[in-house]
Amino acid sequence: MLKLININKGYADGRQVLSNLSYCLNNGEYVAIMGDSGVGKSTLLNLIAGLDKPDTGEILIDDVAISSLDDDAATRLRREKFGFIFQAFYILPHLTLSQNVALPLLLNGVSIEAAEQMLVAVGLQGRGHHFPRQLSGGELQRVAIARALIHRPKLVLADEPTGNLDPDTAHEILMLMRTEIKANGASGIIVTHSKAAAATADRVLVLTKDGLHPAVLN
């Protein structure tokens, strides 16, 4: 599904953040990536999504090299095959919950009827007409999960998705996210500092300056 081949990435200040990184994510696999602050976890997600480019190396989605795509094709790839869940939610305040969830469907030219069903799946039945200001942090994250999964993406990328939530709500959101990713037949990558969050994944990896390595959670 996803292949990283000898990825190298440095920052403008000359600091090397990723060196000769290689990894293969299989279809249906859900992994957590941990690591120290500044090691490049969010940078790696941006590279996978095609929002940034590696200095050298190749990233393939279903054997298609992202670097071979022009801007329009890369945008279509993200729109059709990726789902994004962020710590900051990025829910549009002037749209209702149904409208927020339906955005990927509208961009892909698909019927929006599934939006209400997706809200039911994440425990927000009957809330589609509400606005984001009427929701708690945990509820907003549920909307973000629904929006990320509504178009049945092949790959879901989550960057610290529960960092703003209390432990009980965070666990509930993480299990919901895992359940929905698996139900949609998607693959997933969650970047997190939390061992509890990482433990909900199929496999846990640690990102270091030497690459990705299996982690042992104590």
N, C-alpha and C. Protein backbone atom coordinates (compact mmCIF):
# COMPACT_ATOMS: atom_id res chain seq x y z
N MET A 1 0.84 -1.19 0.00
CA MET A 1 0.00 0.00 0.00
C MET A 1 0.88 1.24 0.00
N LEU A 2 1.77 1.33 0.99
CA LEU A 2 2.69 2.46 1.12
C LEU A 2 4.12 1.93 1.21
N LYS A 3 5.00 2.51 0.39
CA LYS A 3 6.41 2.15 0.44
C LYS A 3 7.24 3.42 0.55
N LEU A 4 8.13 3.43 1.54
CA LEU A 4 9.12 4.49 1.70
C LEU A 4 10.47 3.90 1.33
N ILE A 5 11.15 4.51 0.38
CA ILE A 5 12.41 3.96 -0.12
C ILE A 5 13.53 4.98 0.04
N ASN A 6 14.41 4.72 1.00
CA ASN A 6 15.61 5.53 1.22
C ASN A 6 15.30 7.03 1.28
N ILE A 7 14.37 7.39 2.17
CA ILE A 7 13.94 8.78 2.30
C ILE A 7 14.96 9.58 3.10
N ASN A 8 15.37 10.72 2.54
CA ASN A 8 16.23 11.67 3.23
C ASN A 8 15.57 13.04 3.22
N LYS A 9 15.58 13.71 4.37
CA LYS A 9 14.97 15.02 4.47
C LYS A 9 15.73 15.88 5.47
N GLY A 10 16.13 17.07 5.05
CA GLY A 10 16.80 18.01 5.94
C GLY A 10 16.01 19.30 6.03
N TYR A 11 16.23 20.05 7.11
CA TYR A 11 15.58 21.34 7.28
C TYR A 11 16.42 22.45 6.67
N ALA A 12 15.82 23.62 6.54
CA ALA A 12 16.50 24.75 5.91
C ALA A 12 17.76 25.16 6.68
N ASP A 13 17.79 24.88 7.99
CA ASP A 13 18.97 25.26 8.79
C ASP A 13 20.11 24.26 8.64
N GLY A 14 19.92 23.27 7.79
CA GLY A 14 20.97 22.29 7.55
C GLY A 14 20.87 21.03 8.38
N ARG A 15 19.93 21.00 9.33
CA ARG A 15 19.79 19.82 10.19
C ARG A 15 19.11 18.68 9.44
N GLN A 16 19.71 17.51 9.46
CA GLN A 16 19.15 16.34 8.82
C GLN A 16 18.15 15.70 9.77
N VAL A 17 16.90 15.49 9.30
CA VAL A 17 15.87 14.95 10.18
C VAL A 17 15.54 13.50 9.85
N LEU A 18 15.56 13.13 8.58
CA LEU A 18 15.31 11.74 8.17
C LEU A 18 16.45 11.29 7.27
N SER A 19 16.99 10.11 7.57
CA SER A 19 18.14 9.61 6.81
C SER A 19 17.92 8.17 6.36
N ASN A 20 17.91 7.98 5.05
CA ASN A 20 17.81 6.64 4.46
C ASN A 20 16.69 5.81 5.09
N LEU A 21 15.53 6.44 5.24
CA LEU A 21 14.39 5.78 5.87
C LEU A 21 13.64 4.93 4.85
N SER A 22 13.46 3.67 5.17
CA SER A 22 12.69 2.76 4.32
C SER A 22 11.66 2.02 5.18
N TYR A 23 10.47 1.83 4.61
CA TYR A 23 9.42 1.13 5.34
C TYR A 23 8.33 0.74 4.36
N CYS A 24 7.61 -0.33 4.68
CA CYS A 24 6.49 -0.79 3.86
C CYS A 24 5.27 -1.01 4.77
N LEU A 25 4.18 -0.32 4.47
CA LEU A 25 2.92 -0.47 5.20
C LEU A 25 1.97 -1.30 4.36
N ASN A 26 1.52 -2.41 4.92
CA ASN A 26 0.66 -3.32 4.18
C ASN A 26 -0.79 -2.87 4.20
N ASN A 27 -1.55 -3.38 3.26
CA ASN A 27 -2.98 -3.09 3.22
C ASN A 27 -3.65 -3.55 4.53
N GLY A 28 -4.48 -2.68 5.10
CA GLY A 28 -5.21 -3.03 6.31
C GLY A 28 -4.42 -2.92 7.60
N GLU A 29 -3.15 -2.53 7.52
CA GLU A 29 -2.31 -2.45 8.72
C GLU A 29 -2.46 -1.08 9.38
N TYR A 30 -2.48 -1.08 10.70
CA TYR A 30 -2.62 0.15 11.48
C TYR A 30 -1.44 0.23 12.43
N VAL A 31 -0.56 1.22 12.22
CA VAL A 31 0.66 1.32 13.01
C VAL A 31 0.72 2.65 13.75
N ALA A 32 1.41 2.64 14.87
CA ALA A 32 1.69 3.85 15.63
C ALA A 32 3.17 4.16 15.51
N ILE A 33 3.49 5.44 15.37
CA ILE A 33 4.88 5.90 15.32
C ILE A 33 5.12 6.83 16.49
N MET A 34 6.09 6.46 17.31
CA MET A 34 6.48 7.27 18.46
C MET A 34 7.90 7.80 18.22
N GLY A 35 8.35 8.65 19.14
CA GLY A 35 9.70 9.19 19.02
C GLY A 35 9.80 10.53 19.73
N ASP A 36 11.02 10.96 19.99
CA ASP A 36 11.25 12.22 20.69
C ASP A 36 10.75 13.40 19.85
N SER A 37 10.47 14.50 20.53
CA SER A 37 10.09 15.73 19.83
C SER A 37 11.22 16.17 18.90
N GLY A 38 10.85 16.58 17.70
CA GLY A 38 11.84 17.07 16.76
C GLY A 38 12.52 16.00 15.93
N VAL A 39 12.14 14.73 16.14
CA VAL A 39 12.81 13.65 15.42
C VAL A 39 12.30 13.53 13.98
N GLY A 40 11.13 14.14 13.71
CA GLY A 40 10.64 14.15 12.34
C GLY A 40 9.34 13.40 12.10
N LYS A 41 8.57 13.13 13.15
CA LYS A 41 7.34 12.35 12.99
C LYS A 41 6.32 13.09 12.11
N SER A 42 6.06 14.35 12.44
CA SER A 42 5.10 15.11 11.63
C SER A 42 5.64 15.37 10.23
N THR A 43 6.94 15.58 10.13
CA THR A 43 7.56 15.75 8.82
C THR A 43 7.33 14.51 7.96
N LEU A 44 7.45 13.34 8.58
CA LEU A 44 7.23 12.09 7.85
C LEU A 44 5.81 11.99 7.34
N LEU A 45 4.83 12.38 8.16
CA LEU A 45 3.44 12.35 7.71
C LEU A 45 3.23 13.30 6.53
N ASN A 46 3.83 14.48 6.61
CA ASN A 46 3.69 15.45 5.52
C ASN A 46 4.30 14.92 4.22
N LEU A 47 5.41 14.20 4.34
CA LEU A 47 6.03 13.61 3.15
C LEU A 47 5.15 12.53 2.56
N ILE A 48 4.60 11.67 3.42
CA ILE A 48 3.73 10.60 2.94
C ILE A 48 2.52 11.18 2.22
N ALA A 49 1.99 12.26 2.76
CA ALA A 49 0.80 12.89 2.17
C ALA A 49 1.11 13.70 0.92
N GLY A 50 2.39 13.87 0.61
CA GLY A 50 2.75 14.67 -0.55
C GLY A 50 2.65 16.16 -0.31
N LEU A 51 2.52 16.57 0.98
CA LEU A 51 2.48 17.99 1.31
C LEU A 51 3.87 18.60 1.34
N ASP A 52 4.88 17.76 1.40
CA ASP A 52 6.28 18.15 1.34
C ASP A 52 7.01 17.09 0.52
N LYS A 53 8.20 17.39 0.08
CA LYS A 53 8.96 16.45 -0.75
C LYS A 53 10.26 16.07 -0.08
N PRO A 54 10.64 14.80 -0.15
CA PRO A 54 11.94 14.40 0.39
C PRO A 54 13.06 14.97 -0.46
N ASP A 55 14.22 15.15 0.16
CA ASP A 55 15.39 15.62 -0.59
C ASP A 55 15.82 14.54 -1.59
N THR A 56 15.83 13.31 -1.13
CA THR A 56 16.09 12.16 -2.00
C THR A 56 15.23 11.00 -1.51
N GLY A 57 15.08 10.00 -2.36
CA GLY A 57 14.26 8.85 -2.01
C GLY A 57 12.92 8.89 -2.71
N GLU A 58 12.12 7.87 -2.48
CA GLU A 58 10.86 7.74 -3.19
C GLU A 58 9.76 7.27 -2.25
N ILE A 59 8.55 7.82 -2.44
CA ILE A 59 7.37 7.41 -1.70
C ILE A 59 6.34 6.92 -2.71
N LEU A 60 5.89 5.68 -2.52
CA LEU A 60 4.94 5.07 -3.45
C LEU A 60 3.63 4.75 -2.74
N ILE A 61 2.54 5.11 -3.38
CA ILE A 61 1.20 4.74 -2.94
C ILE A 61 0.61 3.83 -4.01
N ASP A 62 0.35 2.57 -3.64
CA ASP A 62 -0.13 1.59 -4.62
C ASP A 62 0.79 1.58 -5.85
N ASP A 63 2.08 1.60 -5.57
CA ASP A 63 3.13 1.52 -6.60
C ASP A 63 3.21 2.75 -7.50
N VAL A 64 2.55 3.82 -7.13
CA VAL A 64 2.66 5.08 -7.87
C VAL A 64 3.54 6.03 -7.07
N ALA A 65 4.61 6.53 -7.68
CA ALA A 65 5.52 7.45 -7.01
C ALA A 65 4.89 8.84 -6.92
N ILE A 66 4.75 9.35 -5.70
CA ILE A 66 4.15 10.67 -5.51
C ILE A 66 4.94 11.73 -6.26
N SER A 67 6.26 11.59 -6.28
CA SER A 67 7.11 12.59 -6.92
C SER A 67 6.90 12.66 -8.43
N SER A 68 6.29 11.63 -9.00
CA SER A 68 6.06 11.61 -10.44
C SER A 68 4.80 12.36 -10.83
N LEU A 69 4.01 12.78 -9.85
CA LEU A 69 2.73 13.42 -10.10
C LEU A 69 2.88 14.94 -10.15
N ASP A 70 2.13 15.59 -11.04
CA ASP A 70 2.10 17.05 -11.01
C ASP A 70 1.18 17.49 -9.87
N ASP A 71 1.07 18.79 -9.66
CA ASP A 71 0.32 19.30 -8.50
C ASP A 71 -1.14 18.86 -8.53
N ASP A 72 -1.76 18.91 -9.70
CA ASP A 72 -3.17 18.52 -9.80
C ASP A 72 -3.37 17.04 -9.48
N ALA A 73 -2.47 16.20 -10.02
CA ALA A 73 -2.58 14.76 -9.78
C ALA A 73 -2.32 14.42 -8.32
N ALA A 74 -1.36 15.11 -7.70
CA ALA A 74 -1.07 14.88 -6.29
C ALA A 74 -2.25 15.30 -5.42
N THR A 75 -2.90 16.39 -5.80
CA THR A 75 -4.09 16.84 -5.06
C THR A 75 -5.21 15.82 -5.16
N ARG A 76 -5.42 15.27 -6.36
CA ARG A 76 -6.45 14.25 -6.54
C ARG A 76 -6.13 13.00 -5.73
N LEU A 77 -4.86 12.63 -5.70
CA LEU A 77 -4.45 11.46 -4.91
C LEU A 77 -4.79 11.65 -3.44
N ARG A 78 -4.44 12.82 -2.89
CA ARG A 78 -4.74 13.11 -1.48
C ARG A 78 -6.24 13.09 -1.24
N ARG A 79 -6.98 13.69 -2.16
CA ARG A 79 -8.43 13.83 -2.00
C ARG A 79 -9.13 12.49 -2.04
N GLU A 80 -8.64 11.58 -2.88
CA GLU A 80 -9.31 10.31 -3.08
C GLU A 80 -8.83 9.20 -2.15
N LYS A 81 -7.54 9.19 -1.82
CA LYS A 81 -6.98 8.04 -1.13
C LYS A 81 -6.53 8.30 0.30
N PHE A 82 -6.53 9.57 0.75
CA PHE A 82 -6.03 9.89 2.07
C PHE A 82 -7.15 10.44 2.95
N GLY A 83 -7.05 10.12 4.25
CA GLY A 83 -7.89 10.74 5.26
C GLY A 83 -6.98 11.31 6.33
N PHE A 84 -7.26 12.53 6.80
CA PHE A 84 -6.38 13.20 7.76
C PHE A 84 -7.13 13.50 9.05
N ILE A 85 -6.46 13.18 10.17
CA ILE A 85 -7.01 13.50 11.49
C ILE A 85 -5.91 14.23 12.26
N PHE A 86 -6.21 15.47 12.67
CA PHE A 86 -5.20 16.30 13.31
C PHE A 86 -5.58 16.63 14.75
N GLN A 87 -4.57 16.96 15.53
CA GLN A 87 -4.79 17.34 16.93
C GLN A 87 -5.66 18.58 17.03
N ALA A 88 -5.51 19.51 16.09
CA ALA A 88 -6.22 20.78 16.14
C ALA A 88 -7.61 20.72 15.50
N PHE A 89 -8.03 19.52 15.08
CA PHE A 89 -9.37 19.26 14.53
C PHE A 89 -9.57 19.86 13.12
N TYR A 90 -9.37 21.19 12.97
CA TYR A 90 -9.60 21.88 11.70
C TYR A 90 -11.03 21.69 11.20
N ILE A 91 -11.98 21.79 12.12
CA ILE A 91 -13.39 21.77 11.75
C ILE A 91 -13.80 23.21 11.39
N LEU A 92 -14.47 23.39 10.25
CA LEU A 92 -14.83 24.73 9.80
C LEU A 92 -16.01 25.26 10.62
N PRO A 93 -15.83 26.38 11.33
CA PRO A 93 -16.83 26.83 12.30
C PRO A 93 -18.14 27.30 11.68
N HIS A 94 -18.13 27.74 10.41
CA HIS A 94 -19.34 28.29 9.79
C HIS A 94 -20.18 27.23 9.10
N LEU A 95 -19.71 25.97 9.13
CA LEU A 95 -20.47 24.86 8.54
C LEU A 95 -21.06 23.99 9.65
N THR A 96 -22.19 23.36 9.36
CA THR A 96 -22.77 22.41 10.31
C THR A 96 -21.90 21.15 10.35
N LEU A 97 -22.19 20.27 11.31
CA LEU A 97 -21.42 19.03 11.40
C LEU A 97 -21.58 18.20 10.13
N SER A 98 -22.80 18.08 9.62
CA SER A 98 -23.02 17.32 8.40
C SER A 98 -22.24 17.91 7.24
N GLN A 99 -22.22 19.22 7.15
CA GLN A 99 -21.51 19.87 6.06
C GLN A 99 -20.00 19.66 6.18
N ASN A 100 -19.48 19.71 7.41
CA ASN A 100 -18.07 19.45 7.63
C ASN A 100 -17.70 18.03 7.22
N VAL A 101 -18.51 17.07 7.66
CA VAL A 101 -18.23 15.67 7.35
C VAL A 101 -18.33 15.40 5.85
N ALA A 102 -19.27 16.10 5.19
CA ALA A 102 -19.52 15.85 3.78
C ALA A 102 -18.49 16.48 2.85
N LEU A 103 -17.61 17.33 3.36
CA LEU A 103 -16.67 18.04 2.49
C LEU A 103 -15.90 17.11 1.54
N PRO A 104 -15.28 16.03 2.04
CA PRO A 104 -14.55 15.16 1.11
C PRO A 104 -15.44 14.56 0.02
N LEU A 105 -16.71 14.32 0.35
CA LEU A 105 -17.63 13.78 -0.64
C LEU A 105 -17.92 14.81 -1.73
N LEU A 106 -18.12 16.05 -1.31
CA LEU A 106 -18.39 17.12 -2.26
C LEU A 106 -17.21 17.33 -3.19
N LEU A 107 -16.00 17.28 -2.63
CA LEU A 107 -14.80 17.48 -3.44
C LEU A 107 -14.59 16.33 -4.41
N ASN A 108 -15.09 15.14 -4.05
CA ASN A 108 -14.94 13.98 -4.92
C ASN A 108 -16.16 13.75 -5.81
N GLY A 109 -17.13 14.66 -5.74
CA GLY A 109 -18.30 14.54 -6.59
C GLY A 109 -19.20 13.38 -6.23
N VAL A 110 -19.27 13.04 -4.94
CA VAL A 110 -20.07 11.91 -4.48
C VAL A 110 -21.25 12.43 -3.66
N SER A 111 -22.33 11.66 -3.62
CA SER A 111 -23.51 12.04 -2.84
C SER A 111 -23.15 12.24 -1.38
N ILE A 112 -23.80 13.23 -0.73
CA ILE A 112 -23.50 13.53 0.67
C ILE A 112 -24.43 12.80 1.64
N GLU A 113 -25.25 11.88 1.15
CA GLU A 113 -26.22 11.21 2.02
C GLU A 113 -25.55 10.42 3.13
N ALA A 114 -24.30 9.99 2.89
CA ALA A 114 -23.62 9.17 3.88
C ALA A 114 -23.14 9.96 5.09
N ALA A 115 -23.18 11.29 5.02
CA ALA A 115 -22.65 12.11 6.11
C ALA A 115 -23.37 11.83 7.43
N GLU A 116 -24.71 11.79 7.37
CA GLU A 116 -25.49 11.53 8.59
C GLU A 116 -25.20 10.13 9.12
N GLN A 117 -25.05 9.16 8.23
CA GLN A 117 -24.74 7.79 8.66
C GLN A 117 -23.38 7.73 9.35
N MET A 118 -22.43 8.51 8.84
CA MET A 118 -21.10 8.53 9.44
C MET A 118 -21.14 9.18 10.81
N LEU A 119 -21.95 10.19 10.98
CA LEU A 119 -22.11 10.81 12.30
C LEU A 119 -22.71 9.82 13.29
N VAL A 120 -23.63 9.00 12.83
CA VAL A 120 -24.18 7.95 13.69
C VAL A 120 -23.07 6.98 14.10
N ALA A 121 -22.20 6.62 13.15
CA ALA A 121 -21.12 5.67 13.43
C ALA A 121 -20.17 6.18 14.50
N VAL A 122 -20.00 7.51 14.57
CA VAL A 122 -19.07 8.05 15.58
C VAL A 122 -19.82 8.58 16.81
N GLY A 123 -21.09 8.20 16.94
CA GLY A 123 -21.83 8.53 18.16
C GLY A 123 -22.40 9.92 18.21
N LEU A 124 -22.64 10.54 17.06
CA LEU A 124 -23.19 11.90 17.02
C LEU A 124 -24.51 11.93 16.25
N GLN A 125 -25.30 10.89 16.43
CA GLN A 125 -26.57 10.82 15.74
C GLN A 125 -27.47 12.00 16.15
N GLY A 126 -28.15 12.56 15.16
CA GLY A 126 -29.06 13.67 15.42
C GLY A 126 -28.37 15.01 15.64
N ARG A 127 -27.04 15.06 15.44
CA ARG A 127 -26.31 16.30 15.69
C ARG A 127 -25.87 16.99 14.40
N GLY A 128 -26.27 16.46 13.27
CA GLY A 128 -25.77 16.97 12.00
C GLY A 128 -26.04 18.44 11.76
N HIS A 129 -27.13 18.99 12.33
CA HIS A 129 -27.49 20.38 12.11
C HIS A 129 -26.79 21.32 13.09
N HIS A 130 -26.08 20.75 14.05
CA HIS A 130 -25.38 21.58 15.02
C HIS A 130 -24.12 22.19 14.41
N PHE A 131 -23.62 23.24 15.08
CA PHE A 131 -22.39 23.90 14.65
C PHE A 131 -21.24 23.54 15.60
N PRO A 132 -20.00 23.61 15.15
CA PRO A 132 -18.85 23.22 15.98
C PRO A 132 -18.81 23.89 17.35
N ARG A 133 -19.26 25.13 17.45
CA ARG A 133 -19.21 25.84 18.72
C ARG A 133 -20.07 25.18 19.79
N GLN A 134 -20.97 24.30 19.40
CA GLN A 134 -21.87 23.63 20.33
C GLN A 134 -21.31 22.30 20.84
N LEU A 135 -20.08 21.96 20.43
CA LEU A 135 -19.51 20.65 20.75
C LEU A 135 -18.33 20.75 21.71
N SER A 136 -18.09 19.66 22.43
CA SER A 136 -16.91 19.55 23.28
C SER A 136 -15.71 19.15 22.42
N GLY A 137 -14.53 19.15 23.03
CA GLY A 137 -13.33 18.75 22.31
C GLY A 137 -13.41 17.32 21.80
N GLY A 138 -13.90 16.42 22.64
CA GLY A 138 -14.04 15.03 22.22
C GLY A 138 -15.02 14.86 21.08
N GLU A 139 -16.11 15.63 21.10
CA GLU A 139 -17.09 15.56 20.03
C GLU A 139 -16.53 16.12 18.73
N LEU A 140 -15.74 17.20 18.83
CA LEU A 140 -15.11 17.75 17.64
C LEU A 140 -14.15 16.74 17.00
N GLN A 141 -13.45 16.00 17.84
CA GLN A 141 -12.53 15.00 17.29
C GLN A 141 -13.31 13.87 16.62
N ARG A 142 -14.49 13.56 17.13
CA ARG A 142 -15.35 12.57 16.47
C ARG A 142 -15.75 13.05 15.07
N VAL A 143 -16.05 14.34 14.97
CA VAL A 143 -16.38 14.91 13.66
C VAL A 143 -15.18 14.80 12.73
N ALA A 144 -13.99 15.06 13.26
CA ALA A 144 -12.78 14.97 12.45
C ALA A 144 -12.56 13.55 11.94
N ILE A 145 -12.83 12.56 12.80
CA ILE A 145 -12.70 11.16 12.39
C ILE A 145 -13.73 10.83 11.31
N ALA A 146 -14.97 11.27 11.52
CA ALA A 146 -16.02 11.02 10.52
C ALA A 146 -15.64 11.63 9.18
N ARG A 147 -15.14 12.85 9.20
CA ARG A 147 -14.75 13.53 7.95
C ARG A 147 -13.59 12.80 7.26
N ALA A 148 -12.65 12.30 8.06
CA ALA A 148 -11.49 11.63 7.49
C ALA A 148 -11.85 10.31 6.83
N LEU A 149 -12.94 9.67 7.30
CA LEU A 149 -13.27 8.33 6.84
C LEU A 149 -14.46 8.27 5.88
N ILE A 150 -15.18 9.38 5.72
CA ILE A 150 -16.44 9.37 4.99
C ILE A 150 -16.28 8.90 3.54
N HIS A 151 -15.15 9.19 2.92
CA HIS A 151 -14.95 8.83 1.51
C HIS A 151 -14.19 7.52 1.35
N ARG A 152 -14.08 6.76 2.45
CA ARG A 152 -13.41 5.46 2.46
C ARG A 152 -11.99 5.53 1.87
N PRO A 153 -11.13 6.32 2.50
CA PRO A 153 -9.77 6.45 2.00
C PRO A 153 -8.99 5.16 2.20
N LYS A 154 -7.93 4.99 1.43
CA LYS A 154 -7.09 3.80 1.57
C LYS A 154 -6.09 3.97 2.69
N LEU A 155 -5.75 5.22 3.03
CA LEU A 155 -4.75 5.47 4.06
C LEU A 155 -5.19 6.63 4.94
N VAL A 156 -5.24 6.38 6.25
CA VAL A 156 -5.61 7.41 7.23
C VAL A 156 -4.35 7.82 7.99
N LEU A 157 -4.09 9.12 8.05
CA LEU A 157 -2.94 9.66 8.76
C LEU A 157 -3.44 10.51 9.92
N ALA A 158 -2.99 10.18 11.13
CA ALA A 158 -3.43 10.89 12.33
C ALA A 158 -2.22 11.44 13.08
N ASP A 159 -2.17 12.74 13.26
CA ASP A 159 -1.05 13.41 13.92
C ASP A 159 -1.48 13.88 15.31
N GLU A 160 -1.04 13.15 16.34
CA GLU A 160 -1.40 13.47 17.74
C GLU A 160 -2.90 13.75 17.86
N PRO A 161 -3.75 12.83 17.48
CA PRO A 161 -5.19 13.13 17.40
C PRO A 161 -5.89 13.28 18.73
N THR A 162 -5.25 12.89 19.83
CA THR A 162 -5.92 13.00 21.13
C THR A 162 -5.13 13.84 22.12
N GLY A 163 -4.22 14.65 21.62
CA GLY A 163 -3.36 15.43 22.51
C GLY A 163 -4.10 16.44 23.36
N ASN A 164 -5.28 16.89 22.91
CA ASN A 164 -6.05 17.90 23.65
C ASN A 164 -7.17 17.31 24.49
N LEU A 165 -7.20 15.98 24.60
CA LEU A 165 -8.33 15.33 25.26
C LEU A 165 -7.92 14.70 26.59
N ASP A 166 -8.89 14.59 27.50
CA ASP A 166 -8.63 13.91 28.77
C ASP A 166 -8.47 12.41 28.51
N PRO A 167 -7.82 11.69 29.44
CA PRO A 167 -7.49 10.27 29.17
C PRO A 167 -8.68 9.39 28.81
N ASP A 168 -9.80 9.55 29.50
CA ASP A 168 -10.95 8.71 29.21
C ASP A 168 -11.51 8.99 27.81
N THR A 169 -11.64 10.28 27.49
CA THR A 169 -12.14 10.65 26.16
C THR A 169 -11.15 10.22 25.09
N ALA A 170 -9.86 10.37 25.38
CA ALA A 170 -8.82 9.99 24.42
C ALA A 170 -8.91 8.50 24.09
N HIS A 171 -9.09 7.67 25.12
CA HIS A 171 -9.18 6.23 24.88
C HIS A 171 -10.41 5.90 24.04
N GLU A 172 -11.51 6.53 24.35
CA GLU A 172 -12.75 6.30 23.60
C GLU A 172 -12.57 6.68 22.13
N ILE A 173 -11.92 7.84 21.89
CA ILE A 173 -11.70 8.31 20.53
C ILE A 173 -10.76 7.38 19.78
N LEU A 174 -9.71 6.92 20.45
CA LEU A 174 -8.73 6.03 19.81
C LEU A 174 -9.36 4.71 19.40
N MET A 175 -10.18 4.15 20.27
CA MET A 175 -10.83 2.89 19.93
C MET A 175 -11.85 3.08 18.80
N LEU A 176 -12.52 4.21 18.82
CA LEU A 176 -13.45 4.53 17.74
C LEU A 176 -12.69 4.66 16.42
N MET A 177 -11.58 5.36 16.46
CA MET A 177 -10.78 5.56 15.25
C MET A 177 -10.29 4.23 14.70
N ARG A 178 -9.79 3.37 15.59
CA ARG A 178 -9.31 2.06 15.14
C ARG A 178 -10.46 1.25 14.53
N THR A 179 -11.61 1.23 15.21
CA THR A 179 -12.75 0.46 14.74
C THR A 179 -13.19 0.93 13.35
N GLU A 180 -13.27 2.25 13.17
CA GLU A 180 -13.75 2.79 11.90
C GLU A 180 -12.74 2.58 10.79
N ILE A 181 -11.44 2.70 11.10
CA ILE A 181 -10.40 2.44 10.09
C ILE A 181 -10.49 1.00 9.61
N LYS A 182 -10.61 0.07 10.57
CA LYS A 182 -10.70 -1.35 10.21
C LYS A 182 -11.99 -1.64 9.45
N ALA A 183 -13.10 -1.03 9.88
CA ALA A 183 -14.38 -1.27 9.22
C ALA A 183 -14.38 -0.77 7.78
N ASN A 184 -13.60 0.28 7.52
CA ASN A 184 -13.52 0.85 6.18
C ASN A 184 -12.47 0.17 5.32
N GLY A 185 -11.77 -0.83 5.89
CA GLY A 185 -10.75 -1.53 5.12
C GLY A 185 -9.55 -0.68 4.80
N ALA A 186 -9.29 0.33 5.62
CA ALA A 186 -8.19 1.25 5.37
C ALA A 186 -6.93 0.81 6.10
N SER A 187 -5.81 1.38 5.70
CA SER A 187 -4.58 1.30 6.47
C SER A 187 -4.46 2.60 7.27
N GLY A 188 -3.69 2.59 8.35
CA GLY A 188 -3.60 3.79 9.17
C GLY A 188 -2.24 3.97 9.81
N ILE A 189 -1.87 5.24 10.00
CA ILE A 189 -0.66 5.60 10.72
C ILE A 189 -1.03 6.68 11.73
N ILE A 190 -0.75 6.43 12.99
CA ILE A 190 -0.95 7.43 14.03
C ILE A 190 0.40 7.83 14.59
N VAL A 191 0.66 9.13 14.64
CA VAL A 191 1.87 9.67 15.27
C VAL A 191 1.47 10.15 16.65
N THR A 192 2.19 9.71 17.68
CA THR A 192 1.79 10.05 19.04
C THR A 192 2.97 9.98 20.00
N HIS A 193 2.85 10.75 21.09
CA HIS A 193 3.80 10.64 22.20
C HIS A 193 3.28 9.69 23.27
N SER A 194 2.02 9.32 23.16
CA SER A 194 1.34 8.57 24.21
C SER A 194 1.49 7.06 24.03
N LYS A 195 1.99 6.37 25.04
CA LYS A 195 2.07 4.91 24.99
C LYS A 195 0.68 4.29 24.96
N ALA A 196 -0.26 4.91 25.68
CA ALA A 196 -1.63 4.39 25.70
C ALA A 196 -2.25 4.49 24.31
N ALA A 197 -1.99 5.59 23.61
CA ALA A 197 -2.51 5.75 22.26
C ALA A 197 -1.85 4.75 21.32
N ALA A 198 -0.54 4.61 21.44
CA ALA A 198 0.19 3.70 20.57
C ALA A 198 -0.27 2.26 20.74
N ALA A 199 -0.66 1.90 21.96
CA ALA A 199 -1.05 0.52 22.27
C ALA A 199 -2.32 0.10 21.55
N THR A 200 -3.08 1.05 20.98
CA THR A 200 -4.30 0.70 20.26
C THR A 200 -4.00 0.28 18.81
N ALA A 201 -2.75 0.44 18.37
CA ALA A 201 -2.38 0.08 17.00
C ALA A 201 -1.99 -1.39 16.91
N ASP A 202 -1.94 -1.89 15.67
CA ASP A 202 -1.50 -3.27 15.45
C ASP A 202 -0.02 -3.44 15.77
N ARG A 203 0.73 -2.38 15.49
CA ARG A 203 2.18 -2.44 15.65
C ARG A 203 2.68 -1.06 16.03
N VAL A 204 3.71 -1.01 16.88
CA VAL A 204 4.27 0.26 17.33
C VAL A 204 5.72 0.36 16.86
N LEU A 205 6.04 1.50 16.25
CA LEU A 205 7.39 1.76 15.77
C LEU A 205 7.92 3.02 16.43
N VAL A 206 9.24 3.08 16.60
CA VAL A 206 9.90 4.27 17.12
C VAL A 206 10.74 4.87 16.01
N LEU A 207 10.57 6.17 15.79
CA LEU A 207 11.37 6.88 14.80
C LEU A 207 12.58 7.50 15.49
N THR A 208 13.76 7.15 15.01
CA THR A 208 15.00 7.73 15.50
C THR A 208 15.79 8.23 14.30
N LYS A 209 16.96 8.77 14.57
CA LYS A 209 17.80 9.25 13.48
C LYS A 209 18.29 8.09 12.61
N ASP A 210 18.15 6.88 13.11
CA ASP A 210 18.56 5.70 12.36
C ASP A 210 17.42 5.02 11.63
N GLY A 211 16.21 5.60 11.69
CA GLY A 211 15.08 5.01 10.97
C GLY A 211 13.96 4.56 11.89
N LEU A 212 13.09 3.71 11.37
CA LEU A 212 11.95 3.17 12.12
C LEU A 212 12.30 1.80 12.66
N HIS A 213 12.00 1.59 13.97
CA HIS A 213 12.34 0.34 14.63
C HIS A 213 11.17 -0.13 15.47
N PRO A 214 10.98 -1.43 15.63
CA PRO A 214 9.93 -1.93 16.51
C PRO A 214 10.10 -1.42 17.93
N ALA A 215 8.99 -1.07 18.56
CA ALA A 215 9.01 -0.54 19.92
C ALA A 215 8.52 -1.58 20.89
N VAL A 216 8.98 -1.46 22.14
CA VAL A 216 8.52 -2.29 23.24
C VAL A 216 7.87 -1.35 24.25
N LEU A 217 6.55 -1.50 24.45
CA LEU A 217 5.82 -0.66 25.41
C LEU A 217 5.82 -1.31 26.77
N ASN A 218 6.34 -0.61 27.76
CA ASN A 218 6.36 -1.14 29.14
C ASN A 218 5.13 -0.74 29.89
